[in-house]
């Protein structure tokens, strides 16, 4: 992984978060740090992961992502084992991953942090669902998943994580129609390879059956 960050590929999900002049803010911060940066916009699911793989192949020092936790997950999946740093610029409704890592919620501060010597690069474990789908932080099914899936995009853009509350309050009232009824047993398994030292952190995968 490069000691300094001089080239950054930024991947932006324009459908995420609240309206903000993100390009002007990024340009100001990157220009002040003399960082060469480029930007790609996602249009559909899968774009972020593909852009991330292309950026790694192109040899950039870091890949930045502006969007919500879903977009961050896609980019991280494309960067898996790529040997480059992921720079998260909070631009979604909840921004759970950036909060967990202590990344500033202010976009200009988050970009400036990536360009400064004060940044810290940490290794983060990822989980895998099946043969392909990767995830960070947690894996949700049933009521948890329905609450996230049912949130209205426009409301999320206006009020952020509060948009999840009406969905969560309404879902139980819908009764059996929304009840998670697995047709087979559901198992979540966490494995610690023998090569990992005892102190290695493992991100827990949580399942929430309805």
N, C-alpha and C. Protein backbone atom coordinates (compact mmCIF):
# COMPACT_ATOMS: atom_id res chain seq x y z
N UNK A 1 0.85 -1.19 0.00
CA UNK A 1 0.00 0.00 0.00
C UNK A 1 0.89 1.25 0.00
N UNK A 2 0.62 2.25 -0.86
CA UNK A 2 1.48 3.44 -0.95
C UNK A 2 1.55 4.19 0.38
N UNK A 3 2.75 4.75 0.68
CA UNK A 3 2.92 5.53 1.90
C UNK A 3 2.20 6.87 1.80
N UNK A 4 2.17 7.44 0.61
CA UNK A 4 1.49 8.71 0.40
C UNK A 4 0.35 8.53 -0.60
N UNK A 5 -0.62 9.42 -0.54
CA UNK A 5 -1.77 9.35 -1.44
C UNK A 5 -1.72 10.55 -2.38
N UNK A 6 -1.42 10.28 -3.64
CA UNK A 6 -1.31 11.33 -4.64
C UNK A 6 -2.32 11.18 -5.77
N UNK A 7 -2.90 9.99 -5.91
CA UNK A 7 -3.93 9.76 -6.93
C UNK A 7 -5.12 9.06 -6.29
N UNK A 8 -6.31 9.58 -6.55
CA UNK A 8 -7.53 9.04 -5.96
C UNK A 8 -8.61 8.93 -7.02
N UNK A 9 -9.23 7.77 -7.11
CA UNK A 9 -10.42 7.58 -7.94
C UNK A 9 -11.63 7.66 -7.02
N UNK A 10 -12.47 8.65 -7.24
CA UNK A 10 -13.66 8.82 -6.41
C UNK A 10 -14.88 8.26 -7.15
N UNK A 11 -15.64 7.43 -6.45
CA UNK A 11 -16.85 6.83 -7.00
C UNK A 11 -18.04 7.44 -6.26
N UNK A 12 -18.95 8.04 -6.99
CA UNK A 12 -20.08 8.77 -6.40
C UNK A 12 -21.39 8.12 -6.80
N UNK A 13 -22.24 7.89 -5.81
CA UNK A 13 -23.62 7.47 -6.07
C UNK A 13 -24.49 8.73 -6.00
N UNK A 14 -24.90 9.29 -7.15
CA UNK A 14 -25.65 10.55 -7.14
C UNK A 14 -27.03 10.44 -6.52
N UNK A 15 -27.51 9.20 -6.31
CA UNK A 15 -28.84 9.02 -5.72
C UNK A 15 -28.79 8.99 -4.20
N UNK A 16 -27.59 9.01 -3.62
CA UNK A 16 -27.45 8.91 -2.17
C UNK A 16 -27.46 10.27 -1.51
N UNK A 17 -27.95 10.28 -0.27
CA UNK A 17 -27.77 11.42 0.61
C UNK A 17 -28.54 12.66 0.21
N UNK A 18 -28.16 13.74 0.86
CA UNK A 18 -28.82 15.02 0.67
C UNK A 18 -28.10 15.83 -0.39
N UNK A 19 -28.83 16.80 -0.95
CA UNK A 19 -28.23 17.65 -1.98
C UNK A 19 -27.06 18.43 -1.40
N UNK A 20 -25.91 18.37 -2.08
CA UNK A 20 -24.73 19.09 -1.63
C UNK A 20 -23.79 19.25 -2.82
N UNK A 21 -23.07 20.37 -2.88
CA UNK A 21 -22.13 20.58 -3.99
C UNK A 21 -20.86 19.76 -3.76
N UNK A 22 -21.00 18.43 -3.81
CA UNK A 22 -19.87 17.58 -3.41
C UNK A 22 -18.66 17.74 -4.30
N UNK A 23 -18.85 17.97 -5.61
CA UNK A 23 -17.71 18.08 -6.51
C UNK A 23 -16.87 19.31 -6.18
N UNK A 24 -17.54 20.43 -5.91
CA UNK A 24 -16.81 21.65 -5.57
C UNK A 24 -16.04 21.48 -4.26
N UNK A 25 -16.67 20.80 -3.30
CA UNK A 25 -16.02 20.58 -2.00
C UNK A 25 -14.81 19.67 -2.17
N UNK A 26 -14.96 18.58 -2.91
CA UNK A 26 -13.85 17.67 -3.14
C UNK A 26 -12.72 18.35 -3.89
N UNK A 27 -13.07 19.10 -4.92
CA UNK A 27 -12.05 19.77 -5.72
C UNK A 27 -11.22 20.73 -4.89
N UNK A 28 -11.89 21.46 -4.01
CA UNK A 28 -11.18 22.41 -3.16
C UNK A 28 -10.19 21.70 -2.23
N UNK A 29 -10.64 20.60 -1.62
CA UNK A 29 -9.79 19.88 -0.67
C UNK A 29 -8.64 19.15 -1.38
N UNK A 30 -8.94 18.48 -2.49
CA UNK A 30 -7.90 17.74 -3.21
C UNK A 30 -6.88 18.70 -3.83
N UNK A 31 -7.37 19.82 -4.34
CA UNK A 31 -6.46 20.78 -4.97
C UNK A 31 -5.49 21.36 -3.95
N UNK A 32 -6.00 21.65 -2.76
CA UNK A 32 -5.14 22.21 -1.71
C UNK A 32 -4.04 21.23 -1.31
N UNK A 33 -4.35 19.92 -1.41
CA UNK A 33 -3.38 18.88 -1.04
C UNK A 33 -2.55 18.41 -2.23
N UNK A 34 -2.77 19.01 -3.41
CA UNK A 34 -2.05 18.62 -4.63
C UNK A 34 -2.25 17.13 -4.95
N UNK A 35 -3.48 16.67 -4.81
CA UNK A 35 -3.85 15.29 -5.12
C UNK A 35 -4.55 15.25 -6.47
N UNK A 36 -4.10 14.37 -7.35
CA UNK A 36 -4.73 14.18 -8.66
C UNK A 36 -5.92 13.23 -8.48
N UNK A 37 -7.11 13.69 -8.84
CA UNK A 37 -8.29 12.87 -8.60
C UNK A 37 -9.20 12.85 -9.82
N UNK A 38 -9.97 11.80 -9.91
CA UNK A 38 -10.94 11.64 -10.99
C UNK A 38 -12.23 11.13 -10.36
N UNK A 39 -13.33 11.24 -11.09
CA UNK A 39 -14.62 10.85 -10.51
C UNK A 39 -15.41 10.02 -11.52
N UNK A 40 -16.14 9.04 -11.00
CA UNK A 40 -17.07 8.25 -11.80
C UNK A 40 -18.40 8.19 -11.06
N UNK A 41 -19.49 8.29 -11.82
CA UNK A 41 -20.83 8.27 -11.24
C UNK A 41 -21.50 6.93 -11.50
N UNK A 42 -22.13 6.38 -10.48
CA UNK A 42 -22.87 5.12 -10.64
C UNK A 42 -24.26 5.40 -11.20
N UNK A 43 -24.76 4.46 -11.98
CA UNK A 43 -26.11 4.56 -12.53
C UNK A 43 -26.99 3.40 -12.10
N UNK A 44 -26.37 2.27 -11.81
CA UNK A 44 -27.14 1.09 -11.42
C UNK A 44 -26.30 0.20 -10.52
N UNK A 45 -26.96 -0.76 -9.89
CA UNK A 45 -26.27 -1.69 -8.99
C UNK A 45 -25.15 -2.41 -9.74
N UNK A 46 -24.01 -2.53 -9.11
CA UNK A 46 -22.87 -3.21 -9.73
C UNK A 46 -21.84 -2.25 -10.29
N UNK A 47 -22.26 -1.01 -10.60
CA UNK A 47 -21.32 -0.04 -11.16
C UNK A 47 -20.18 0.26 -10.19
N UNK A 48 -20.52 0.47 -8.92
CA UNK A 48 -19.51 0.86 -7.94
C UNK A 48 -18.44 -0.22 -7.78
N UNK A 49 -18.86 -1.46 -7.74
CA UNK A 49 -17.90 -2.56 -7.60
C UNK A 49 -17.00 -2.64 -8.84
N UNK A 50 -17.59 -2.48 -10.01
CA UNK A 50 -16.81 -2.54 -11.25
C UNK A 50 -15.83 -1.37 -11.33
N UNK A 51 -16.28 -0.18 -10.98
CA UNK A 51 -15.38 0.98 -10.99
C UNK A 51 -14.21 0.78 -10.03
N UNK A 52 -14.49 0.18 -8.88
CA UNK A 52 -13.44 -0.05 -7.89
C UNK A 52 -12.38 -1.01 -8.43
N UNK A 53 -12.84 -2.09 -9.07
CA UNK A 53 -11.89 -3.05 -9.66
C UNK A 53 -11.03 -2.38 -10.73
N UNK A 54 -11.66 -1.54 -11.54
CA UNK A 54 -10.92 -0.84 -12.60
C UNK A 54 -9.90 0.12 -12.01
N UNK A 55 -10.25 0.78 -10.92
CA UNK A 55 -9.34 1.73 -10.28
C UNK A 55 -8.12 1.01 -9.71
N UNK A 56 -8.35 -0.15 -9.10
CA UNK A 56 -7.24 -0.94 -8.57
C UNK A 56 -6.31 -1.37 -9.70
N UNK A 57 -6.90 -1.82 -10.79
CA UNK A 57 -6.11 -2.26 -11.95
C UNK A 57 -5.30 -1.10 -12.54
N UNK A 58 -5.85 0.12 -12.44
CA UNK A 58 -5.17 1.29 -13.00
C UNK A 58 -4.03 1.78 -12.10
N UNK A 59 -3.98 1.28 -10.87
CA UNK A 59 -2.87 1.60 -9.98
C UNK A 59 -3.00 2.88 -9.18
N UNK A 60 -4.23 3.33 -8.91
CA UNK A 60 -4.40 4.53 -8.09
C UNK A 60 -3.94 4.25 -6.65
N UNK A 61 -3.61 5.31 -5.93
CA UNK A 61 -3.16 5.15 -4.54
C UNK A 61 -4.31 4.83 -3.60
N UNK A 62 -5.50 5.36 -3.91
CA UNK A 62 -6.66 5.13 -3.04
C UNK A 62 -7.93 5.25 -3.87
N UNK A 63 -8.98 4.61 -3.37
CA UNK A 63 -10.30 4.71 -4.00
C UNK A 63 -11.24 5.37 -3.00
N UNK A 64 -11.85 6.48 -3.40
CA UNK A 64 -12.80 7.18 -2.53
C UNK A 64 -14.22 6.83 -2.94
N UNK A 65 -15.12 6.83 -1.97
CA UNK A 65 -16.52 6.56 -2.26
C UNK A 65 -17.40 7.56 -1.53
N UNK A 66 -18.29 8.21 -2.29
CA UNK A 66 -19.27 9.12 -1.72
C UNK A 66 -20.64 8.49 -1.94
N UNK A 67 -21.28 8.12 -0.84
CA UNK A 67 -22.58 7.47 -0.93
C UNK A 67 -22.94 6.89 0.41
N UNK A 68 -23.97 6.07 0.44
CA UNK A 68 -24.40 5.44 1.67
C UNK A 68 -23.67 4.14 1.93
N UNK A 69 -24.11 3.42 2.97
CA UNK A 69 -23.44 2.18 3.35
C UNK A 69 -23.51 1.12 2.26
N UNK A 70 -24.58 1.11 1.47
CA UNK A 70 -24.69 0.16 0.37
C UNK A 70 -23.63 0.40 -0.69
N UNK A 71 -23.40 1.66 -1.02
CA UNK A 71 -22.38 2.00 -2.01
C UNK A 71 -20.99 1.70 -1.47
N UNK A 72 -20.78 1.99 -0.19
CA UNK A 72 -19.49 1.69 0.43
C UNK A 72 -19.21 0.19 0.36
N UNK A 73 -20.24 -0.62 0.62
CA UNK A 73 -20.08 -2.07 0.58
C UNK A 73 -19.70 -2.54 -0.82
N UNK A 74 -20.35 -1.97 -1.83
CA UNK A 74 -20.05 -2.35 -3.22
C UNK A 74 -18.60 -2.05 -3.57
N UNK A 75 -18.16 -0.85 -3.22
CA UNK A 75 -16.79 -0.45 -3.53
C UNK A 75 -15.79 -1.33 -2.80
N UNK A 76 -16.06 -1.60 -1.53
CA UNK A 76 -15.17 -2.45 -0.74
C UNK A 76 -15.09 -3.84 -1.35
N UNK A 77 -16.19 -4.35 -1.86
CA UNK A 77 -16.19 -5.67 -2.49
C UNK A 77 -15.28 -5.69 -3.71
N UNK A 78 -15.32 -4.61 -4.49
CA UNK A 78 -14.47 -4.53 -5.67
C UNK A 78 -13.00 -4.34 -5.35
N UNK A 79 -12.73 -3.85 -4.12
CA UNK A 79 -11.34 -3.60 -3.72
C UNK A 79 -10.75 -4.75 -2.92
N UNK A 80 -11.52 -5.76 -2.62
CA UNK A 80 -11.07 -6.84 -1.76
C UNK A 80 -9.73 -7.42 -2.23
N UNK A 81 -8.75 -7.43 -1.34
CA UNK A 81 -7.40 -7.94 -1.59
C UNK A 81 -6.66 -7.14 -2.67
N UNK A 82 -7.10 -5.89 -2.89
CA UNK A 82 -6.45 -5.07 -3.92
C UNK A 82 -5.24 -4.30 -3.43
N UNK A 83 -5.04 -4.25 -2.10
CA UNK A 83 -3.85 -3.60 -1.58
C UNK A 83 -3.88 -2.09 -1.64
N UNK A 84 -5.07 -1.49 -1.72
CA UNK A 84 -5.20 -0.04 -1.74
C UNK A 84 -6.18 0.40 -0.66
N UNK A 85 -6.06 1.67 -0.26
CA UNK A 85 -6.90 2.19 0.80
C UNK A 85 -8.27 2.62 0.27
N UNK A 86 -9.29 2.40 1.07
CA UNK A 86 -10.65 2.86 0.76
C UNK A 86 -10.91 4.12 1.58
N UNK A 87 -11.20 5.21 0.89
CA UNK A 87 -11.51 6.48 1.55
C UNK A 87 -13.03 6.68 1.51
N UNK A 88 -13.64 6.71 2.69
CA UNK A 88 -15.10 6.84 2.77
C UNK A 88 -15.47 8.30 3.01
N UNK A 89 -16.28 8.84 2.10
CA UNK A 89 -16.79 10.20 2.24
C UNK A 89 -18.29 10.11 2.50
N UNK A 90 -18.73 10.31 3.74
CA UNK A 90 -20.13 10.08 4.10
C UNK A 90 -21.10 10.87 3.22
N UNK A 91 -21.99 10.14 2.54
CA UNK A 91 -22.95 10.82 1.67
C UNK A 91 -24.30 10.15 1.67
N UNK A 92 -24.54 9.25 2.64
CA UNK A 92 -25.80 8.53 2.68
C UNK A 92 -26.71 9.01 3.79
N UNK A 93 -27.64 8.15 4.17
CA UNK A 93 -28.63 8.50 5.19
C UNK A 93 -28.11 8.22 6.60
N UNK A 94 -27.53 7.04 6.81
CA UNK A 94 -27.07 6.66 8.14
C UNK A 94 -25.55 6.71 8.27
N UNK A 95 -24.84 6.34 7.21
CA UNK A 95 -23.37 6.38 7.20
C UNK A 95 -22.78 5.61 8.39
N UNK A 96 -23.31 4.41 8.63
CA UNK A 96 -22.91 3.64 9.80
C UNK A 96 -21.42 3.31 9.77
N UNK A 97 -20.92 2.91 8.62
CA UNK A 97 -19.52 2.50 8.53
C UNK A 97 -18.59 3.66 8.87
N UNK A 98 -18.86 4.84 8.35
CA UNK A 98 -17.99 5.98 8.63
C UNK A 98 -18.08 6.40 10.09
N UNK A 99 -19.26 6.29 10.69
CA UNK A 99 -19.41 6.61 12.11
C UNK A 99 -18.60 5.64 12.95
N UNK A 100 -18.67 4.34 12.62
CA UNK A 100 -17.93 3.32 13.35
C UNK A 100 -16.42 3.58 13.29
N UNK A 101 -15.95 4.11 12.18
CA UNK A 101 -14.52 4.33 11.99
C UNK A 101 -14.07 5.72 12.45
N UNK A 102 -15.01 6.55 12.89
CA UNK A 102 -14.67 7.88 13.37
C UNK A 102 -14.34 8.87 12.27
N UNK A 103 -14.87 8.64 11.07
CA UNK A 103 -14.63 9.55 9.95
C UNK A 103 -15.54 10.77 10.10
N UNK A 104 -15.02 11.98 9.89
CA UNK A 104 -15.84 13.18 10.04
C UNK A 104 -17.08 13.15 9.16
N UNK A 105 -18.20 13.61 9.69
CA UNK A 105 -19.43 13.67 8.91
C UNK A 105 -19.43 14.80 7.91
N UNK A 106 -18.59 15.80 8.14
CA UNK A 106 -18.44 16.92 7.21
C UNK A 106 -17.58 16.48 6.03
N UNK A 107 -18.10 16.65 4.81
CA UNK A 107 -17.42 16.14 3.62
C UNK A 107 -16.04 16.75 3.43
N UNK A 108 -15.93 18.06 3.58
CA UNK A 108 -14.63 18.70 3.37
C UNK A 108 -13.59 18.20 4.38
N UNK A 109 -14.02 17.99 5.61
CA UNK A 109 -13.10 17.47 6.64
C UNK A 109 -12.70 16.03 6.33
N UNK A 110 -13.65 15.24 5.82
CA UNK A 110 -13.35 13.85 5.49
C UNK A 110 -12.34 13.76 4.35
N UNK A 111 -12.49 14.60 3.33
CA UNK A 111 -11.55 14.61 2.21
C UNK A 111 -10.18 15.10 2.67
N UNK A 112 -10.17 16.16 3.48
CA UNK A 112 -8.90 16.70 3.97
C UNK A 112 -8.16 15.68 4.82
N UNK A 113 -8.91 14.86 5.58
CA UNK A 113 -8.28 13.84 6.42
C UNK A 113 -7.52 12.82 5.57
N UNK A 114 -8.11 12.42 4.45
CA UNK A 114 -7.46 11.45 3.56
C UNK A 114 -6.14 12.00 3.04
N UNK A 115 -6.08 13.30 2.81
CA UNK A 115 -4.89 13.92 2.23
C UNK A 115 -3.85 14.31 3.27
N UNK A 116 -4.15 14.18 4.55
CA UNK A 116 -3.25 14.65 5.59
C UNK A 116 -2.47 13.50 6.23
N UNK A 117 -1.43 13.86 6.97
CA UNK A 117 -0.64 12.85 7.68
C UNK A 117 -1.37 12.31 8.90
N UNK A 118 -2.49 12.93 9.27
CA UNK A 118 -3.25 12.49 10.44
C UNK A 118 -4.10 11.26 10.16
N UNK A 119 -4.20 10.86 8.90
CA UNK A 119 -5.04 9.72 8.55
C UNK A 119 -4.48 8.43 9.14
N UNK A 120 -5.37 7.50 9.41
CA UNK A 120 -4.98 6.16 9.86
C UNK A 120 -5.61 5.14 8.92
N UNK A 121 -4.83 4.19 8.48
CA UNK A 121 -5.32 3.14 7.59
C UNK A 121 -5.47 1.86 8.39
N UNK A 122 -6.69 1.32 8.44
CA UNK A 122 -6.96 0.13 9.23
C UNK A 122 -7.43 -1.01 8.32
N UNK A 123 -7.08 -2.22 8.70
CA UNK A 123 -7.59 -3.38 7.99
C UNK A 123 -8.92 -3.79 8.61
N UNK A 124 -9.91 -4.07 7.74
CA UNK A 124 -11.25 -4.41 8.20
C UNK A 124 -11.65 -5.76 7.62
N UNK A 125 -12.14 -6.64 8.48
CA UNK A 125 -12.60 -7.94 8.02
C UNK A 125 -13.92 -7.81 7.28
N UNK A 126 -14.12 -8.64 6.27
CA UNK A 126 -15.37 -8.67 5.53
C UNK A 126 -15.95 -10.08 5.59
N UNK A 127 -17.26 -10.16 5.55
CA UNK A 127 -17.92 -11.46 5.50
C UNK A 127 -18.36 -11.78 4.09
N UNK A 128 -18.65 -13.03 3.84
CA UNK A 128 -19.09 -13.44 2.52
C UNK A 128 -20.36 -14.28 2.65
N UNK A 129 -21.37 -13.94 1.86
CA UNK A 129 -22.62 -14.67 1.83
C UNK A 129 -22.67 -15.49 0.55
N UNK A 130 -22.67 -16.82 0.70
CA UNK A 130 -22.65 -17.65 -0.50
C UNK A 130 -21.29 -17.58 -1.18
N UNK A 131 -21.30 -17.59 -2.49
CA UNK A 131 -20.05 -17.61 -3.24
C UNK A 131 -19.56 -16.22 -3.64
N UNK A 132 -20.45 -15.20 -3.64
CA UNK A 132 -20.06 -13.92 -4.18
C UNK A 132 -20.34 -12.74 -3.25
N UNK A 133 -21.54 -12.61 -2.71
CA UNK A 133 -21.94 -11.42 -1.97
C UNK A 133 -21.10 -11.20 -0.72
N UNK A 134 -20.43 -10.05 -0.65
CA UNK A 134 -19.64 -9.72 0.54
C UNK A 134 -20.35 -8.63 1.33
N UNK A 135 -20.02 -8.53 2.61
CA UNK A 135 -20.67 -7.52 3.46
C UNK A 135 -19.73 -7.09 4.57
N UNK A 136 -20.04 -5.91 5.13
CA UNK A 136 -19.32 -5.39 6.28
C UNK A 136 -20.32 -5.08 7.38
N UNK A 137 -19.84 -5.01 8.60
CA UNK A 137 -20.63 -4.65 9.78
C UNK A 137 -21.64 -5.72 10.19
N UNK A 138 -22.63 -5.99 9.32
CA UNK A 138 -23.68 -6.93 9.72
C UNK A 138 -24.41 -7.49 8.50
N UNK A 139 -25.13 -8.57 8.75
CA UNK A 139 -25.97 -9.18 7.73
C UNK A 139 -27.37 -9.26 8.31
N UNK A 140 -28.34 -8.65 7.65
CA UNK A 140 -29.70 -8.61 8.19
C UNK A 140 -30.70 -9.34 7.31
N UNK A 141 -31.64 -10.03 7.96
CA UNK A 141 -32.74 -10.69 7.24
C UNK A 141 -34.03 -10.44 8.01
N UNK A 142 -35.15 -10.71 7.38
CA UNK A 142 -36.43 -10.57 8.06
C UNK A 142 -36.81 -9.12 8.31
N UNK A 143 -37.25 -8.81 9.53
CA UNK A 143 -37.75 -7.47 9.85
C UNK A 143 -36.70 -6.41 9.63
N UNK A 144 -35.45 -6.71 10.02
CA UNK A 144 -34.35 -5.76 9.85
C UNK A 144 -34.18 -5.39 8.37
N UNK A 145 -34.19 -6.40 7.51
CA UNK A 145 -34.00 -6.17 6.08
C UNK A 145 -35.20 -5.44 5.47
N UNK A 146 -36.42 -5.81 5.89
CA UNK A 146 -37.61 -5.16 5.36
C UNK A 146 -37.66 -3.69 5.74
N UNK A 147 -37.20 -3.36 6.95
CA UNK A 147 -37.18 -1.97 7.39
C UNK A 147 -36.27 -1.14 6.49
N UNK A 148 -35.10 -1.66 6.18
CA UNK A 148 -34.16 -0.95 5.32
C UNK A 148 -34.66 -0.87 3.89
N UNK A 149 -35.17 -1.98 3.39
CA UNK A 149 -35.64 -2.05 2.01
C UNK A 149 -36.84 -1.14 1.77
N UNK A 150 -37.71 -1.00 2.77
CA UNK A 150 -38.95 -0.25 2.57
C UNK A 150 -38.83 1.25 2.73
N UNK A 151 -37.66 1.74 3.14
CA UNK A 151 -37.50 3.19 3.34
C UNK A 151 -37.58 3.94 2.02
N UNK A 152 -38.32 5.02 2.01
CA UNK A 152 -38.52 5.84 0.81
C UNK A 152 -37.27 6.66 0.52
N UNK A 153 -36.78 6.62 -0.75
CA UNK A 153 -35.56 7.32 -1.11
C UNK A 153 -35.65 8.83 -0.88
N UNK A 154 -36.74 9.46 -1.28
CA UNK A 154 -36.87 10.91 -1.12
C UNK A 154 -36.91 11.31 0.35
N UNK A 155 -37.58 10.50 1.15
CA UNK A 155 -37.64 10.79 2.59
C UNK A 155 -36.25 10.62 3.20
N UNK A 156 -35.51 9.58 2.79
CA UNK A 156 -34.15 9.36 3.30
C UNK A 156 -33.26 10.55 2.96
N UNK A 157 -33.42 11.10 1.76
CA UNK A 157 -32.61 12.25 1.37
C UNK A 157 -32.91 13.48 2.22
N UNK A 158 -34.17 13.58 2.68
CA UNK A 158 -34.57 14.76 3.46
C UNK A 158 -34.20 14.62 4.94
N UNK A 159 -34.49 13.47 5.53
CA UNK A 159 -34.35 13.36 6.98
C UNK A 159 -33.33 12.32 7.42
N UNK A 160 -32.66 11.65 6.48
CA UNK A 160 -31.62 10.70 6.83
C UNK A 160 -32.17 9.44 7.47
N UNK A 161 -31.50 8.99 8.54
CA UNK A 161 -31.83 7.71 9.16
C UNK A 161 -33.22 7.71 9.78
N UNK A 162 -33.79 8.87 10.05
CA UNK A 162 -35.14 8.93 10.61
C UNK A 162 -36.18 8.34 9.66
N UNK A 163 -35.83 8.25 8.39
CA UNK A 163 -36.76 7.69 7.40
C UNK A 163 -37.06 6.23 7.67
N UNK A 164 -36.20 5.55 8.42
CA UNK A 164 -36.41 4.13 8.72
C UNK A 164 -37.46 3.92 9.80
N UNK A 165 -37.73 4.92 10.63
CA UNK A 165 -38.64 4.75 11.75
C UNK A 165 -40.06 4.46 11.33
N UNK A 166 -40.66 5.22 10.38
CA UNK A 166 -42.04 4.92 9.99
C UNK A 166 -42.18 3.50 9.43
N UNK A 167 -41.18 3.04 8.70
CA UNK A 167 -41.23 1.70 8.13
C UNK A 167 -41.22 0.67 9.25
N UNK A 168 -40.33 0.87 10.21
CA UNK A 168 -40.23 -0.06 11.32
C UNK A 168 -41.49 -0.09 12.15
N UNK A 169 -42.15 1.06 12.29
CA UNK A 169 -43.37 1.12 13.09
C UNK A 169 -44.54 0.48 12.36
N UNK A 170 -44.53 0.56 11.02
CA UNK A 170 -45.68 0.06 10.25
C UNK A 170 -45.58 -1.43 9.95
N UNK A 171 -44.37 -1.94 9.83
CA UNK A 171 -44.20 -3.32 9.40
C UNK A 171 -44.91 -4.34 10.27
N UNK A 172 -44.83 -4.29 11.62
CA UNK A 172 -45.51 -5.31 12.42
C UNK A 172 -47.01 -5.35 12.19
N UNK A 173 -47.61 -4.19 11.91
CA UNK A 173 -49.06 -4.12 11.73
C UNK A 173 -49.51 -4.84 10.47
N UNK A 174 -48.58 -5.06 9.56
CA UNK A 174 -48.96 -5.73 8.33
C UNK A 174 -49.04 -7.24 8.51
N UNK A 175 -48.63 -7.71 9.70
CA UNK A 175 -48.86 -9.10 10.07
C UNK A 175 -48.14 -10.12 9.21
N UNK A 176 -48.86 -11.17 8.87
CA UNK A 176 -48.25 -12.33 8.22
C UNK A 176 -47.66 -12.00 6.86
N UNK A 177 -48.17 -10.96 6.20
CA UNK A 177 -47.70 -10.66 4.85
C UNK A 177 -46.21 -10.32 4.84
N UNK A 178 -45.73 -9.67 5.89
CA UNK A 178 -44.33 -9.29 5.95
C UNK A 178 -43.50 -10.18 6.85
N UNK A 179 -44.11 -11.22 7.42
CA UNK A 179 -43.36 -12.06 8.33
C UNK A 179 -42.34 -12.91 7.57
N UNK A 180 -41.14 -12.95 8.12
CA UNK A 180 -40.07 -13.73 7.49
C UNK A 180 -40.28 -15.20 7.85
N UNK A 181 -40.57 -15.99 6.84
CA UNK A 181 -40.82 -17.42 7.07
C UNK A 181 -39.86 -18.22 6.22
N UNK A 182 -38.70 -18.57 6.75
CA UNK A 182 -37.71 -19.30 5.95
C UNK A 182 -38.21 -20.68 5.58
N UNK A 183 -37.93 -21.08 4.35
CA UNK A 183 -38.33 -22.40 3.89
C UNK A 183 -37.33 -23.46 4.35
N UNK A 184 -36.18 -23.02 4.83
CA UNK A 184 -35.17 -23.94 5.35
C UNK A 184 -34.42 -23.22 6.45
N UNK A 185 -33.64 -23.96 7.20
CA UNK A 185 -32.91 -23.35 8.30
C UNK A 185 -31.90 -22.34 7.79
N UNK A 186 -31.70 -21.27 8.55
CA UNK A 186 -30.76 -20.22 8.19
C UNK A 186 -29.58 -20.26 9.15
N UNK A 187 -28.38 -20.34 8.61
CA UNK A 187 -27.19 -20.44 9.45
C UNK A 187 -26.20 -19.35 9.09
N UNK A 188 -25.70 -18.67 10.10
CA UNK A 188 -24.63 -17.69 9.92
C UNK A 188 -23.41 -18.22 10.64
N UNK A 189 -22.33 -18.41 9.94
CA UNK A 189 -21.14 -19.02 10.51
C UNK A 189 -19.95 -18.08 10.40
N UNK A 190 -19.27 -17.88 11.51
CA UNK A 190 -18.06 -17.07 11.53
C UNK A 190 -16.87 -17.99 11.75
N UNK A 191 -15.85 -17.82 10.94
CA UNK A 191 -14.67 -18.67 11.04
C UNK A 191 -13.43 -17.83 11.29
N UNK A 192 -12.57 -18.29 12.16
CA UNK A 192 -11.29 -17.63 12.40
C UNK A 192 -10.18 -18.53 11.87
N UNK A 193 -9.53 -18.13 10.77
CA UNK A 193 -8.44 -18.95 10.25
C UNK A 193 -7.34 -19.12 11.29
N UNK A 194 -6.66 -20.27 11.27
CA UNK A 194 -5.61 -20.53 12.24
C UNK A 194 -4.47 -19.52 12.15
N UNK A 195 -4.31 -18.92 10.98
CA UNK A 195 -3.20 -17.99 10.79
C UNK A 195 -3.42 -16.67 11.52
N UNK A 196 -4.66 -16.36 11.91
CA UNK A 196 -4.94 -15.11 12.59
C UNK A 196 -4.48 -15.19 14.04
N UNK A 197 -3.84 -14.14 14.56
CA UNK A 197 -3.48 -14.13 15.98
C UNK A 197 -4.73 -14.01 16.84
N UNK A 198 -4.67 -14.44 18.11
CA UNK A 198 -5.86 -14.41 18.98
C UNK A 198 -6.48 -13.04 19.13
N UNK A 199 -5.66 -11.98 18.96
CA UNK A 199 -6.19 -10.63 19.17
C UNK A 199 -6.83 -10.03 17.93
N UNK A 200 -6.84 -10.77 16.81
CA UNK A 200 -7.41 -10.22 15.57
C UNK A 200 -8.89 -9.94 15.73
N UNK A 201 -9.33 -8.71 15.36
CA UNK A 201 -10.76 -8.38 15.48
C UNK A 201 -11.59 -9.07 14.41
N UNK A 202 -12.75 -9.49 14.76
CA UNK A 202 -13.67 -10.07 13.80
C UNK A 202 -14.96 -9.28 13.84
N UNK A 203 -15.41 -8.80 12.71
CA UNK A 203 -16.67 -8.09 12.63
C UNK A 203 -17.80 -9.11 12.71
N UNK A 204 -18.69 -8.92 13.64
CA UNK A 204 -19.75 -9.90 13.84
C UNK A 204 -20.81 -9.79 12.75
N UNK A 205 -21.30 -10.94 12.33
CA UNK A 205 -22.44 -10.97 11.40
C UNK A 205 -23.68 -11.29 12.23
N UNK A 206 -24.69 -10.46 12.13
CA UNK A 206 -25.89 -10.63 12.94
C UNK A 206 -27.07 -10.96 12.06
N UNK A 207 -27.86 -11.93 12.45
CA UNK A 207 -29.07 -12.29 11.72
C UNK A 207 -30.28 -11.95 12.58
N UNK A 208 -31.26 -11.29 12.00
CA UNK A 208 -32.44 -10.88 12.72
C UNK A 208 -33.68 -11.53 12.08
N UNK A 209 -34.08 -12.72 12.49
CA UNK A 209 -35.26 -13.33 11.90
C UNK A 209 -36.53 -12.59 12.29
N UNK A 210 -37.49 -12.55 11.38
CA UNK A 210 -38.73 -11.84 11.64
C UNK A 210 -39.66 -12.64 12.53
